Amino acid sequence: MKEFSEIWIINEDGKPLFNKSIDSKVDPALFGGFLSAIQKFVQTSFHGSKIEKLLLGESKICFLYAETVSYTHL
């Protein structure tokens, strides 16, 4: 079974909504902005494409996209 060292939930604008890390020294706002900027660059440069995986050295970042959730029915 593969292990996760970090879990991040980031909105489209790069704002971190949730993160859980064993030993991270990364500023959440900086990391969220970094991922958001890369994603927007890819969408603009490659005709709406979305990143699925990003490899950074020994780290792999997997992107999962969710539809907008509305809580008006609660």
N, C-alpha and C. Protein backbone atom coordinates (compact mmCIF):
# COMPACT_ATOMS: atom_id res chain seq x y z
N MET A 1 0.83 -1.17 0.00
CA MET A 1 0.00 0.00 0.00
C MET A 1 0.89 1.25 0.00
N LYS A 2 0.55 2.23 -0.83
CA LYS A 2 1.32 3.46 -0.90
C LYS A 2 0.97 4.38 0.26
N GLU A 3 1.97 5.12 0.70
CA GLU A 3 1.78 6.05 1.80
C GLU A 3 1.70 7.48 1.28
N PHE A 4 0.92 8.29 1.95
CA PHE A 4 0.82 9.71 1.66
C PHE A 4 1.56 10.46 2.74
N SER A 5 2.35 11.43 2.34
CA SER A 5 3.02 12.24 3.35
C SER A 5 2.25 13.53 3.62
N GLU A 6 1.46 13.95 2.62
CA GLU A 6 0.68 15.17 2.78
C GLU A 6 -0.62 15.08 1.99
N ILE A 7 -1.64 15.74 2.50
CA ILE A 7 -2.92 15.88 1.81
C ILE A 7 -3.25 17.36 1.79
N TRP A 8 -3.60 17.87 0.62
CA TRP A 8 -3.96 19.28 0.46
C TRP A 8 -5.28 19.38 -0.28
N ILE A 9 -6.13 20.27 0.16
CA ILE A 9 -7.33 20.64 -0.58
C ILE A 9 -7.21 22.14 -0.84
N ILE A 10 -7.16 22.48 -2.12
CA ILE A 10 -6.92 23.86 -2.54
C ILE A 10 -7.99 24.25 -3.54
N ASN A 11 -8.58 25.45 -3.37
CA ASN A 11 -9.60 25.88 -4.33
C ASN A 11 -8.94 26.39 -5.61
N GLU A 12 -9.76 26.74 -6.60
CA GLU A 12 -9.25 27.18 -7.91
C GLU A 12 -8.33 28.39 -7.82
N ASP A 13 -8.56 29.23 -6.85
CA ASP A 13 -7.76 30.45 -6.70
C ASP A 13 -6.46 30.22 -5.96
N GLY A 14 -6.20 28.99 -5.53
CA GLY A 14 -4.96 28.68 -4.82
C GLY A 14 -5.06 28.79 -3.32
N LYS A 15 -6.25 29.07 -2.81
CA LYS A 15 -6.42 29.19 -1.36
C LYS A 15 -6.50 27.80 -0.73
N PRO A 16 -5.59 27.49 0.20
CA PRO A 16 -5.65 26.19 0.87
C PRO A 16 -6.88 26.12 1.79
N LEU A 17 -7.69 25.11 1.59
CA LEU A 17 -8.87 24.91 2.42
C LEU A 17 -8.58 23.93 3.55
N PHE A 18 -7.64 23.00 3.28
CA PHE A 18 -7.27 22.00 4.27
C PHE A 18 -5.91 21.44 3.89
N ASN A 19 -5.08 21.18 4.89
CA ASN A 19 -3.86 20.42 4.64
C ASN A 19 -3.47 19.64 5.88
N LYS A 20 -2.94 18.48 5.66
CA LYS A 20 -2.48 17.60 6.74
C LYS A 20 -1.13 17.07 6.32
N SER A 21 -0.16 17.27 7.18
CA SER A 21 1.20 16.88 6.85
C SER A 21 1.89 16.32 8.09
N ILE A 22 2.74 15.34 7.86
CA ILE A 22 3.50 14.76 8.96
C ILE A 22 4.63 15.70 9.38
N ASP A 23 5.33 16.26 8.39
CA ASP A 23 6.50 17.08 8.72
C ASP A 23 6.74 18.11 7.62
N SER A 24 5.76 18.96 7.35
CA SER A 24 5.90 19.94 6.27
C SER A 24 6.38 21.28 6.82
N LYS A 25 7.28 21.89 6.07
CA LYS A 25 7.75 23.22 6.43
C LYS A 25 7.33 24.22 5.36
N VAL A 26 6.34 23.86 4.58
CA VAL A 26 5.86 24.68 3.47
C VAL A 26 4.77 25.62 3.95
N ASP A 27 4.85 26.88 3.55
CA ASP A 27 3.80 27.85 3.85
C ASP A 27 2.57 27.48 3.01
N PRO A 28 1.42 27.22 3.64
CA PRO A 28 0.24 26.79 2.89
C PRO A 28 -0.20 27.77 1.79
N ALA A 29 -0.17 29.07 2.07
CA ALA A 29 -0.58 30.05 1.06
C ALA A 29 0.38 30.06 -0.13
N LEU A 30 1.66 29.94 0.14
CA LEU A 30 2.67 29.91 -0.92
C LEU A 30 2.52 28.66 -1.79
N PHE A 31 2.32 27.52 -1.15
CA PHE A 31 2.16 26.26 -1.89
C PHE A 31 0.89 26.27 -2.72
N GLY A 32 -0.21 26.73 -2.15
CA GLY A 32 -1.47 26.81 -2.89
C GLY A 32 -1.35 27.73 -4.10
N GLY A 33 -0.71 28.88 -3.92
CA GLY A 33 -0.51 29.81 -5.03
C GLY A 33 0.37 29.22 -6.11
N PHE A 34 1.41 28.50 -5.71
CA PHE A 34 2.31 27.83 -6.65
C PHE A 34 1.56 26.84 -7.53
N LEU A 35 0.76 25.98 -6.90
CA LEU A 35 0.01 24.98 -7.67
C LEU A 35 -1.05 25.63 -8.56
N SER A 36 -1.70 26.64 -8.06
CA SER A 36 -2.70 27.35 -8.84
C SER A 36 -2.08 28.02 -10.06
N ALA A 37 -0.92 28.65 -9.88
CA ALA A 37 -0.24 29.32 -10.99
C ALA A 37 0.19 28.32 -12.06
N ILE A 38 0.72 27.18 -11.65
CA ILE A 38 1.12 26.15 -12.62
C ILE A 38 -0.09 25.65 -13.39
N GLN A 39 -1.19 25.38 -12.67
CA GLN A 39 -2.40 24.88 -13.33
C GLN A 39 -2.94 25.90 -14.33
N LYS A 40 -2.98 27.17 -13.96
CA LYS A 40 -3.48 28.20 -14.87
C LYS A 40 -2.58 28.36 -16.09
N PHE A 41 -1.25 28.23 -15.89
CA PHE A 41 -0.32 28.28 -17.00
C PHE A 41 -0.60 27.14 -17.99
N VAL A 42 -0.79 25.94 -17.47
CA VAL A 42 -1.06 24.78 -18.33
C VAL A 42 -2.38 24.96 -19.08
N GLN A 43 -3.42 25.41 -18.39
CA GLN A 43 -4.72 25.62 -19.05
C GLN A 43 -4.62 26.63 -20.18
N THR A 44 -3.89 27.72 -19.95
CA THR A 44 -3.75 28.77 -20.95
C THR A 44 -2.87 28.33 -22.12
N SER A 45 -1.75 27.70 -21.81
CA SER A 45 -0.77 27.34 -22.83
C SER A 45 -1.15 26.10 -23.63
N PHE A 46 -1.93 25.21 -23.05
CA PHE A 46 -2.24 23.94 -23.69
C PHE A 46 -3.74 23.74 -23.87
N HIS A 47 -4.42 24.81 -24.25
CA HIS A 47 -5.82 24.78 -24.69
C HIS A 47 -6.78 24.09 -23.72
N GLY A 48 -6.74 24.51 -22.46
CA GLY A 48 -7.69 24.00 -21.47
C GLY A 48 -7.31 22.70 -20.81
N SER A 49 -6.11 22.20 -21.08
CA SER A 49 -5.67 20.95 -20.44
C SER A 49 -5.55 21.13 -18.93
N LYS A 50 -5.65 20.03 -18.22
CA LYS A 50 -5.48 20.05 -16.77
C LYS A 50 -4.37 19.09 -16.37
N ILE A 51 -3.62 19.49 -15.37
CA ILE A 51 -2.54 18.63 -14.86
C ILE A 51 -3.16 17.45 -14.12
N GLU A 52 -2.61 16.28 -14.36
CA GLU A 52 -3.02 15.09 -13.62
C GLU A 52 -1.99 14.74 -12.56
N LYS A 53 -0.69 14.80 -12.93
CA LYS A 53 0.39 14.49 -12.00
C LYS A 53 1.53 15.48 -12.24
N LEU A 54 2.22 15.79 -11.16
CA LEU A 54 3.37 16.68 -11.22
C LEU A 54 4.48 16.02 -10.42
N LEU A 55 5.62 15.76 -11.07
CA LEU A 55 6.75 15.13 -10.40
C LEU A 55 7.79 16.19 -10.04
N LEU A 56 8.17 16.23 -8.77
CA LEU A 56 9.17 17.17 -8.27
C LEU A 56 10.19 16.37 -7.48
N GLY A 57 11.28 15.98 -8.12
CA GLY A 57 12.26 15.13 -7.45
C GLY A 57 11.64 13.81 -7.05
N GLU A 58 11.70 13.51 -5.77
CA GLU A 58 11.13 12.26 -5.24
C GLU A 58 9.64 12.38 -4.94
N SER A 59 9.10 13.59 -5.07
CA SER A 59 7.69 13.83 -4.73
C SER A 59 6.80 13.76 -5.96
N LYS A 60 5.61 13.21 -5.78
CA LYS A 60 4.61 13.19 -6.83
C LYS A 60 3.36 13.88 -6.30
N ILE A 61 2.87 14.86 -7.06
CA ILE A 61 1.65 15.57 -6.69
C ILE A 61 0.56 15.13 -7.65
N CYS A 62 -0.52 14.59 -7.13
CA CYS A 62 -1.65 14.16 -7.95
C CYS A 62 -2.77 15.17 -7.80
N PHE A 63 -3.34 15.58 -8.91
CA PHE A 63 -4.42 16.56 -8.92
C PHE A 63 -5.75 15.83 -9.13
N LEU A 64 -6.70 16.10 -8.27
CA LEU A 64 -8.06 15.59 -8.41
C LEU A 64 -8.97 16.81 -8.45
N TYR A 65 -9.88 16.84 -9.40
CA TYR A 65 -10.74 18.00 -9.57
C TYR A 65 -12.16 17.63 -9.17
N ALA A 66 -12.81 18.54 -8.46
CA ALA A 66 -14.19 18.33 -8.02
C ALA A 66 -15.06 19.45 -8.57
N GLU A 67 -16.29 19.12 -8.78
CA GLU A 67 -17.27 20.12 -9.20
C GLU A 67 -17.54 21.06 -8.04
N THR A 68 -18.03 22.23 -8.34
CA THR A 68 -18.41 23.17 -7.30
C THR A 68 -19.54 22.58 -6.47
N VAL A 69 -19.42 22.68 -5.17
CA VAL A 69 -20.43 22.13 -4.27
C VAL A 69 -21.27 23.27 -3.72
N SER A 70 -22.58 23.11 -3.76
CA SER A 70 -23.48 24.11 -3.22
C SER A 70 -24.14 23.55 -1.96
N TYR A 71 -24.14 24.33 -0.91
CA TYR A 71 -24.75 23.89 0.34
C TYR A 71 -26.10 24.60 0.59
N THR A 72 -26.72 25.12 -0.45
CA THR A 72 -27.98 25.84 -0.28
C THR A 72 -29.12 24.92 0.11
N HIS A 73 -28.98 23.64 -0.12
CA HIS A 73 -30.06 22.71 0.21
C HIS A 73 -30.07 22.31 1.68
N LEU A 74 -29.06 22.71 2.44
CA LEU A 74 -29.02 22.34 3.85
C LEU A 74 -29.96 23.15 4.69
